[in-house]
Amino acid sequence: MAALEEMLRICKEVRVFPLLTLGLEKSPFLAGAIAHLDKQDYRCILQTVPYQLQRGGSGMLRIQRNFANG
């Protein structure tokens, strides 16, 4: 979380890809990270992309600063 928050301090948008573990399962940290960032007033968007780094791993998390609040 500290790394994401530091990137968001500097950048307008941060993209996280892929969202799978090395065992090809959904990351156990994804839901908690989204919940934490939502409370911090960031916009989290789960997006499907047309490419895969891992089999079944075509999901990306886009995190954007809330521009209305700075």
Protein backbone atom coordinates (compact mmCIF):
# COMPACT_ATOMS: atom_id res chain seq x y z
CA MET A 1 0.00 0.00 0.00
CA ALA A 2 2.83 2.39 0.79
CA ALA A 3 4.27 1.93 -2.71
CA LEU A 4 0.90 2.54 -4.38
CA GLU A 5 0.24 5.59 -2.23
CA GLU A 6 3.66 7.03 -3.05
CA MET A 7 3.12 6.51 -6.78
CA LEU A 8 -0.31 8.14 -6.48
CA ARG A 9 1.20 11.09 -4.63
CA ILE A 10 3.28 11.83 -7.73
CA CYS A 11 1.18 10.48 -10.63
CA LYS A 12 -2.35 11.20 -11.81
CA GLU A 13 -2.94 7.51 -12.50
CA VAL A 14 -1.31 4.22 -11.50
CA ARG A 15 -1.94 0.95 -13.34
CA VAL A 16 -1.39 -2.44 -11.74
CA PHE A 17 -0.98 -5.46 -14.03
CA PRO A 18 -1.25 -8.43 -13.76
CA LEU A 19 -3.64 -9.06 -10.88
CA LEU A 20 -2.81 -12.76 -10.46
CA THR A 21 -0.44 -14.63 -8.18
CA LEU A 22 2.27 -16.85 -9.62
CA GLY A 23 -0.18 -19.71 -9.05
CA LEU A 24 -2.59 -18.04 -11.54
CA GLU A 25 -5.10 -17.14 -8.82
CA LYS A 26 -6.61 -13.72 -8.16
CA SER A 27 -4.35 -11.75 -5.83
CA PRO A 28 -5.51 -12.04 -2.21
CA PHE A 29 -4.54 -8.36 -1.73
CA LEU A 30 -6.74 -6.92 -4.49
CA ALA A 31 -10.03 -6.48 -2.60
CA GLY A 32 -8.29 -4.99 0.45
CA ALA A 33 -6.26 -2.59 -1.66
CA ILE A 34 -9.35 -1.38 -3.52
CA ALA A 35 -11.28 -0.93 -0.25
CA HIS A 36 -8.39 1.02 1.30
CA LEU A 37 -7.98 3.27 -1.73
CA ASP A 38 -11.73 3.91 -1.99
CA LYS A 39 -11.64 5.20 1.60
CA GLN A 40 -8.75 7.46 0.63
CA ASP A 41 -10.94 8.96 -2.13
CA TYR A 42 -9.20 7.36 -5.10
CA ARG A 43 -11.10 6.00 -8.08
CA CYS A 44 -10.39 2.29 -8.72
CA ILE A 45 -11.34 0.75 -12.04
CA LEU A 46 -10.97 -2.94 -12.90
CA GLN A 47 -10.43 -3.14 -16.63
CA THR A 48 -10.00 -6.03 -19.05
CA VAL A 49 -7.06 -5.62 -21.41
CA PRO A 50 -6.51 -7.37 -24.76
CA TYR A 51 -3.25 -9.02 -23.66
CA GLN A 52 -2.12 -11.54 -21.05
CA LEU A 53 1.18 -11.88 -19.23
CA GLN A 54 -0.15 -15.00 -17.50
CA ARG A 55 -2.85 -17.41 -18.65
CA GLY A 56 -6.18 -15.87 -17.66
CA GLY A 57 -4.48 -12.69 -16.47
CA SER A 58 -6.12 -10.05 -18.60
CA GLY A 59 -7.25 -7.84 -15.72
CA MET A 60 -5.71 -4.49 -14.83
CA LEU A 61 -6.41 -2.13 -11.94
CA ARG A 62 -6.41 1.57 -12.80
CA ILE A 63 -6.22 3.91 -9.81
CA GLN A 64 -6.88 7.60 -10.32
CA ARG A 65 -6.69 10.57 -8.02
CA ASN A 66 -10.00 12.27 -7.33
CA PHE A 67 -9.44 15.51 -9.23
CA ALA A 68 -12.34 17.27 -7.50
CA ASN A 69 -10.45 17.02 -4.20
CA GLY A 70 -6.98 17.82 -5.47
